[in-house]
Amino acid sequence: MTTSLAAADTSQPLSLEFFPPRDLAAQERLVRSVKQLMALRPEYVSVTFGAGGSTRSGTIETVRLMHNLGCDAAPHLSCVGSSLEFLRDTLTTYRELGIRRVVALRGDLPSGMGGDPGDLHYANELVAFIREHSGDWFHIEVAAYPEMHPQADSLQKDIDYFVDKVDAGADAAITQYFFNADAYFDFVDRVQARGVTIPIVPGIMPITNYNQLRRFSTMCGAEIPRWLGHRLADFGDDKASLRDFGIDFITAFSQKLLDNGAPGLHFYTLNNAAVTQAICQQLDRNPAPASAVVAVG
């Protein structure tokens, strides 16, 4: 697969997502990946948030690490399973660190918590709480679901929930990943018809492992088009060919989104620099030479 790519448009910035490492070796890999991907000059990097204490402390420590590496770090913050005291303390910690951006999410109910979802139940309540606590200190990102949240009753209700988050004070949105550009543009059209004007940035998932992608997509409700699923399955154990196809496919897909007005791209890096960097090189978004791309396992 080949594509003709236009020169980079710096008005359509990139951002990157990482998750907290669980041990020292993973932390070392993360640091290498972050240093490598800073060549992309991302607008910011986000750090995911674990439910039930699994990586909550890890999120704060990873944000400190990113901050020390010179990144504009945007921690994820989930309201489900969180007390108001915890949320206040966490926001205060981030303010003291000089963090100016957060990603406000509802989150999933942690296992073992029974029916106790915490003091706040929905993301719009969390956005309102952040505004009440911190005013305009934080730039607040929220989630968007072009193919509908898997727990939503209908697309219309899902759009209602999204508009509620915007009305509560969200500044921008990041979408769940998807592979159908029409779904993204239809979602943007529908929410703009409701008066939404904030940027809605497509979330981009690099393709490197078909079984992993199927598992992720089942959990989050992202649709893998049948033709794409069959194409990926055909590679079998040929990981190198699947990786090369995935880079070309996601590059062309990302360029289509940018060419049709997407305000930027948010890459789910899975803490691995090589594929995201290869895609961005093809998008003419990477000032580093090709020889600088080093696989990070």
Protein backbone atom coordinates (compact mmCIF):
# COMPACT_ATOMS: atom_id res chain seq x y z
CA MET A 1 0.00 0.00 0.00
CA THR A 2 1.38 3.43 -0.92
CA THR A 3 0.06 6.92 -0.43
CA SER A 4 1.05 10.41 -1.51
CA LEU A 5 1.53 12.53 1.58
CA ALA A 6 1.32 16.28 1.91
CA ALA A 7 3.78 18.32 3.94
CA ALA A 8 3.14 18.50 7.66
CA ASP A 9 0.61 21.07 8.85
CA THR A 10 1.74 22.33 12.24
CA SER A 11 -1.77 23.64 12.91
CA GLN A 12 -2.80 19.97 13.28
CA PRO A 13 -0.64 18.94 16.26
CA LEU A 14 0.19 15.46 17.49
CA SER A 15 -0.23 14.13 21.01
CA LEU A 16 0.78 10.80 22.52
CA GLU A 17 -0.58 8.44 25.17
CA PHE A 18 1.51 6.31 27.56
CA PHE A 19 0.64 4.06 30.48
CA PRO A 20 2.44 3.78 33.85
CA PRO A 21 5.15 1.11 33.91
CA ARG A 22 4.74 -1.74 36.40
CA ASP A 23 8.42 -2.45 37.10
CA LEU A 24 11.88 -0.96 36.65
CA ALA A 25 12.54 -2.65 33.32
CA ALA A 26 9.25 -1.31 31.94
CA GLN A 27 10.12 2.14 33.24
CA GLU A 28 13.45 2.06 31.43
CA ARG A 29 11.69 1.08 28.19
CA LEU A 30 9.19 3.89 28.72
CA VAL A 31 11.93 6.48 29.19
CA ARG A 32 13.64 5.34 25.99
CA SER A 33 10.35 5.52 24.08
CA VAL A 34 9.49 8.97 25.42
CA LYS A 35 12.91 10.37 24.55
CA GLN A 36 12.62 8.91 21.06
CA LEU A 37 9.11 10.23 20.45
CA MET A 38 9.90 13.74 21.68
CA ALA A 39 11.44 14.21 18.21
CA LEU A 40 7.82 14.43 17.01
CA ARG A 41 7.38 17.59 19.10
CA PRO A 42 4.05 16.46 20.56
CA GLU A 43 1.71 19.13 21.88
CA TYR A 44 1.38 17.04 25.04
CA VAL A 45 1.58 13.47 26.31
CA SER A 46 -1.18 11.82 28.31
CA VAL A 47 -0.74 9.22 31.06
CA THR A 48 -3.46 6.65 31.72
CA PHE A 49 -5.15 6.08 35.05
CA GLY A 50 -5.68 2.68 36.66
CA ALA A 51 -8.88 1.63 38.38
CA GLY A 52 -9.05 0.49 41.97
CA GLY A 53 -5.55 1.66 42.85
CA SER A 54 -3.88 -0.61 40.25
CA THR A 55 -1.87 2.23 38.75
CA ARG A 56 -3.27 5.37 40.38
CA SER A 57 -0.10 6.09 42.29
CA GLY A 58 1.81 5.01 39.19
CA THR A 59 0.00 7.69 37.19
CA ILE A 60 1.24 10.46 39.48
CA GLU A 61 4.79 9.08 39.48
CA THR A 62 4.76 8.72 35.69
CA VAL A 63 3.50 12.28 35.34
CA ARG A 64 6.44 13.42 37.49
CA LEU A 65 8.76 11.44 35.25
CA MET A 66 7.29 12.92 32.07
CA HIS A 67 7.47 16.40 33.57
CA ASN A 68 11.14 15.89 34.42
CA LEU A 69 11.78 14.73 30.84
CA GLY A 70 10.41 18.04 29.59
CA CYS A 71 7.01 16.79 28.41
CA ASP A 72 3.76 18.71 28.80
CA ALA A 73 2.08 15.85 30.69
CA ALA A 74 -1.69 15.40 30.85
CA PRO A 75 -2.71 12.83 33.47
CA HIS A 76 -5.91 10.87 33.05
CA LEU A 77 -8.28 11.26 35.99
CA SER A 78 -11.22 8.90 36.52
CA CYS A 79 -14.16 9.65 38.80
CA VAL A 80 -15.57 6.12 39.15
CA GLY A 81 -14.25 4.59 42.36
CA SER A 82 -12.70 7.90 43.45
CA SER A 83 -13.70 9.86 46.52
CA LEU A 84 -14.00 13.64 46.41
CA GLU A 85 -11.10 13.80 48.84
CA PHE A 86 -8.90 11.77 46.52
CA LEU A 87 -9.86 13.93 43.54
CA ARG A 88 -9.16 17.15 45.46
CA ASP A 89 -5.79 15.88 46.66
CA THR A 90 -4.82 14.67 43.18
CA LEU A 91 -5.78 17.96 41.51
CA THR A 92 -3.85 19.87 44.16
CA THR A 93 -0.79 17.67 43.57
CA TYR A 94 -0.95 18.30 39.85
CA ARG A 95 -1.29 22.05 40.35
CA GLU A 96 1.74 22.03 42.64
CA LEU A 97 3.69 20.19 39.92
CA GLY A 98 2.71 22.85 37.40
CA ILE A 99 0.54 20.49 35.34
CA ARG A 100 -1.90 22.51 33.23
CA ARG A 101 -3.82 19.78 31.38
CA VAL A 102 -5.88 16.75 32.49
CA VAL A 103 -7.95 14.10 30.72
CA ALA A 104 -11.25 13.75 32.61
CA LEU A 105 -12.93 10.34 32.29
CA ARG A 106 -15.73 8.41 33.89
CA GLY A 107 -13.69 5.23 34.03
CA ASP A 108 -14.79 1.65 34.64
CA LEU A 109 -16.01 0.31 37.96
CA PRO A 110 -13.05 -1.47 39.58
CA SER A 111 -13.54 -5.17 40.22
CA GLY A 112 -14.43 -6.05 43.79
CA MET A 113 -16.09 -2.71 44.53
CA GLY A 114 -19.64 -4.04 44.36
CA GLY A 115 -22.17 -1.30 43.80
CA ASP A 116 -20.09 1.61 45.11
CA PRO A 117 -19.08 3.76 42.12
CA GLY A 118 -17.54 6.56 44.19
CA ASP A 119 -18.76 10.08 44.88
CA LEU A 120 -19.12 11.10 41.24
CA HIS A 121 -20.75 8.87 38.66
CA TYR A 122 -20.27 10.54 35.27
CA ALA A 123 -17.55 12.38 33.41
CA ASN A 124 -19.57 15.60 33.13
CA GLU A 125 -19.72 15.66 36.94
CA LEU A 126 -15.95 15.27 37.08
CA VAL A 127 -15.45 18.11 34.59
CA ALA A 128 -17.72 20.35 36.67
CA PHE A 129 -15.86 19.34 39.84
CA ILE A 130 -12.48 20.19 38.29
CA ARG A 131 -13.79 23.60 37.25
CA GLU A 132 -15.21 24.20 40.75
CA HIS A 133 -11.94 23.14 42.37
CA SER A 134 -9.41 24.72 40.01
CA GLY A 135 -11.22 27.25 37.85
CA ASP A 136 -9.48 27.65 34.51
CA TRP A 137 -6.12 26.30 35.70
CA PHE A 138 -6.51 23.04 33.78
CA HIS A 139 -7.13 22.52 30.08
CA ILE A 140 -9.64 19.65 30.25
CA GLU A 141 -9.72 16.89 27.64
CA VAL A 142 -12.64 14.44 27.58
CA ALA A 143 -13.38 11.23 25.69
CA ALA A 144 -15.50 10.90 22.55
CA TYR A 145 -16.84 7.72 20.94
CA PRO A 146 -17.48 8.01 17.17
CA GLU A 147 -18.88 4.46 17.12
CA MET A 148 -20.77 4.88 20.42
CA HIS A 149 -19.64 3.95 23.93
CA PRO A 150 -20.17 0.20 24.41
CA GLN A 151 -22.38 0.83 27.46
CA ALA A 152 -24.53 3.57 25.90
CA ASP A 153 -28.21 2.84 25.25
CA SER A 154 -28.13 4.56 21.85
CA LEU A 155 -25.94 6.82 19.75
CA GLN A 156 -28.27 9.74 20.46
CA LYS A 157 -27.92 9.29 24.21
CA ASP A 158 -24.16 8.93 23.84
CA ILE A 159 -24.10 12.25 21.98
CA ASP A 160 -26.22 13.77 24.77
CA TYR A 161 -23.63 12.62 27.32
CA PHE A 162 -20.83 14.10 25.23
CA VAL A 163 -22.61 17.45 24.97
CA ASP A 164 -23.08 17.39 28.76
CA LYS A 165 -19.30 17.10 29.18
CA VAL A 166 -18.71 20.02 26.87
CA ASP A 167 -21.34 22.12 28.64
CA ALA A 168 -19.68 21.31 31.98
CA GLY A 169 -16.45 22.95 30.80
CA ALA A 170 -14.41 20.60 28.60
CA ASP A 171 -11.88 22.32 26.34
CA ALA A 172 -11.22 19.52 23.84
CA ALA A 173 -11.89 15.83 23.21
CA ILE A 174 -9.91 12.74 22.24
CA THR A 175 -11.77 9.93 20.51
CA GLN A 176 -11.61 6.24 21.13
CA TYR A 177 -9.67 4.70 18.26
CA PHE A 178 -11.60 3.69 15.16
CA PHE A 179 -10.91 2.52 11.61
CA ASN A 180 -13.92 4.07 9.84
CA ALA A 181 -13.32 7.72 8.95
CA ASP A 182 -16.99 8.24 8.10
CA ALA A 183 -17.95 7.39 11.69
CA TYR A 184 -15.65 10.13 12.97
CA PHE A 185 -16.86 12.82 10.56
CA ASP A 186 -20.51 11.90 11.16
CA PHE A 187 -19.98 12.19 14.93
CA VAL A 188 -18.31 15.59 14.52
CA ASP A 189 -21.14 16.82 12.28
CA ARG A 190 -23.78 15.65 14.76
CA VAL A 191 -22.24 17.26 17.83
CA GLN A 192 -21.46 20.47 15.95
CA ALA A 193 -25.16 20.60 15.04
CA ARG A 194 -25.75 20.62 18.82
CA GLY A 195 -23.53 23.68 19.22
CA VAL A 196 -20.24 21.96 20.10
CA THR A 197 -17.21 23.92 18.92
CA ILE A 198 -14.31 22.32 20.82
CA PRO A 199 -11.64 20.37 18.90
CA ILE A 200 -12.36 16.63 18.63
CA VAL A 201 -9.05 14.89 17.97
CA PRO A 202 -9.04 11.37 16.47
CA GLY A 203 -7.41 8.68 18.58
CA ILE A 204 -5.05 6.57 16.45
CA MET A 205 -4.16 2.98 17.31
CA PRO A 206 -1.10 1.58 15.49
CA ILE A 207 -1.56 -1.99 14.28
CA THR A 208 1.17 -4.44 15.31
CA ASN A 209 -0.64 -7.47 16.77
CA TYR A 210 -3.99 -8.66 15.43
CA ASN A 211 -4.98 -10.78 18.43
CA GLN A 212 -4.21 -7.91 20.79
CA LEU A 213 -6.17 -5.49 18.59
CA ARG A 214 -9.19 -7.79 18.54
CA ARG A 215 -9.08 -8.05 22.34
CA PHE A 216 -8.82 -4.29 22.80
CA SER A 217 -11.58 -3.64 20.27
CA THR A 218 -13.97 -6.08 21.94
CA MET A 219 -13.50 -4.31 25.27
CA CYS A 220 -13.89 -0.75 23.98
CA GLY A 221 -16.45 -1.25 21.22
CA ALA A 222 -14.18 -0.22 18.34
CA GLU A 223 -15.19 -1.91 15.09
CA ILE A 224 -12.56 -3.63 12.96
CA PRO A 225 -13.98 -3.62 9.40
CA ARG A 226 -14.41 -7.17 8.08
CA TRP A 227 -12.05 -6.65 5.16
CA LEU A 228 -9.37 -5.31 7.50
CA GLY A 229 -9.83 -8.13 9.99
CA HIS A 230 -9.47 -10.73 7.22
CA ARG A 231 -6.44 -8.93 5.81
CA LEU A 232 -4.72 -8.88 9.20
CA ALA A 233 -5.61 -12.50 9.93
CA ASP A 234 -4.03 -13.54 6.61
CA PHE A 235 -0.60 -12.51 7.89
CA GLY A 236 -0.71 -15.28 10.51
CA ASP A 237 2.63 -15.40 12.32
CA ASP A 238 4.35 -13.08 9.83
CA LYS A 239 4.72 -10.22 12.32
CA ALA A 240 7.05 -8.17 10.15
CA SER A 241 4.65 -8.08 7.18
CA LEU A 242 1.69 -7.30 9.44
CA ARG A 243 3.67 -4.45 11.01
CA ASP A 244 4.59 -3.02 7.60
CA PHE A 245 1.00 -3.26 6.38
CA GLY A 246 -0.24 -1.66 9.61
CA ILE A 247 2.16 1.27 9.22
CA ASP A 248 1.03 1.91 5.64
CA PHE A 249 -2.66 1.51 6.48
CA ILE A 250 -2.61 3.77 9.53
CA THR A 251 -0.51 6.36 7.69
CA ALA A 252 -3.02 6.59 4.83
CA PHE A 253 -5.93 6.55 7.30
CA SER A 254 -4.38 9.34 9.38
CA GLN A 255 -3.64 11.43 6.30
CA LYS A 256 -7.26 11.08 5.19
CA LEU A 257 -8.43 12.38 8.57
CA LEU A 258 -6.03 15.33 8.45
CA ASP A 259 -6.85 16.17 4.83
CA ASN A 260 -10.55 16.33 5.70
CA GLY A 261 -10.17 18.67 8.64
CA ALA A 262 -9.28 16.66 11.75
CA PRO A 263 -7.66 19.12 14.20
CA GLY A 264 -4.76 16.77 15.02
CA LEU A 265 -3.93 13.17 15.91
CA HIS A 266 -3.61 11.43 19.28
CA PHE A 267 -1.52 8.25 19.14
CA TYR A 268 -2.05 5.36 21.54
CA THR A 269 1.63 4.38 21.66
CA LEU A 270 1.37 1.39 24.02
CA ASN A 271 4.73 2.66 25.33
CA ASN A 272 6.49 1.62 22.12
CA ALA A 273 8.15 4.27 19.98
CA ALA A 274 9.02 2.44 16.77
CA VAL A 275 5.66 2.09 14.99
CA THR A 276 4.28 5.50 15.97
CA GLN A 277 7.52 7.10 14.83
CA ALA A 278 7.46 5.19 11.53
CA ILE A 279 3.89 6.36 10.85
CA CYS A 280 4.77 9.95 11.63
CA GLN A 281 7.81 9.81 9.37
CA GLN A 282 5.52 8.79 6.50
CA LEU A 283 3.20 11.65 7.48
CA ASP A 284 6.21 13.99 7.28
CA ARG A 285 5.78 14.78 10.98
CA ASN A 286 9.19 13.60 12.18
CA PRO A 287 12.30 15.75 11.79
CA ALA A 288 14.55 12.82 12.80
CA PRO A 289 16.20 10.78 10.00
CA ALA A 290 15.00 7.25 9.33
CA SER A 291 18.25 5.86 10.77
CA ALA A 292 17.23 7.27 14.17
CA VAL A 293 14.26 4.89 14.45
CA VAL A 294 15.20 2.16 16.89
CA ALA A 295 12.71 -0.54 17.92
CA VAL A 296 11.87 -0.47 21.61
CA GLY A 297 10.40 -3.71 22.90
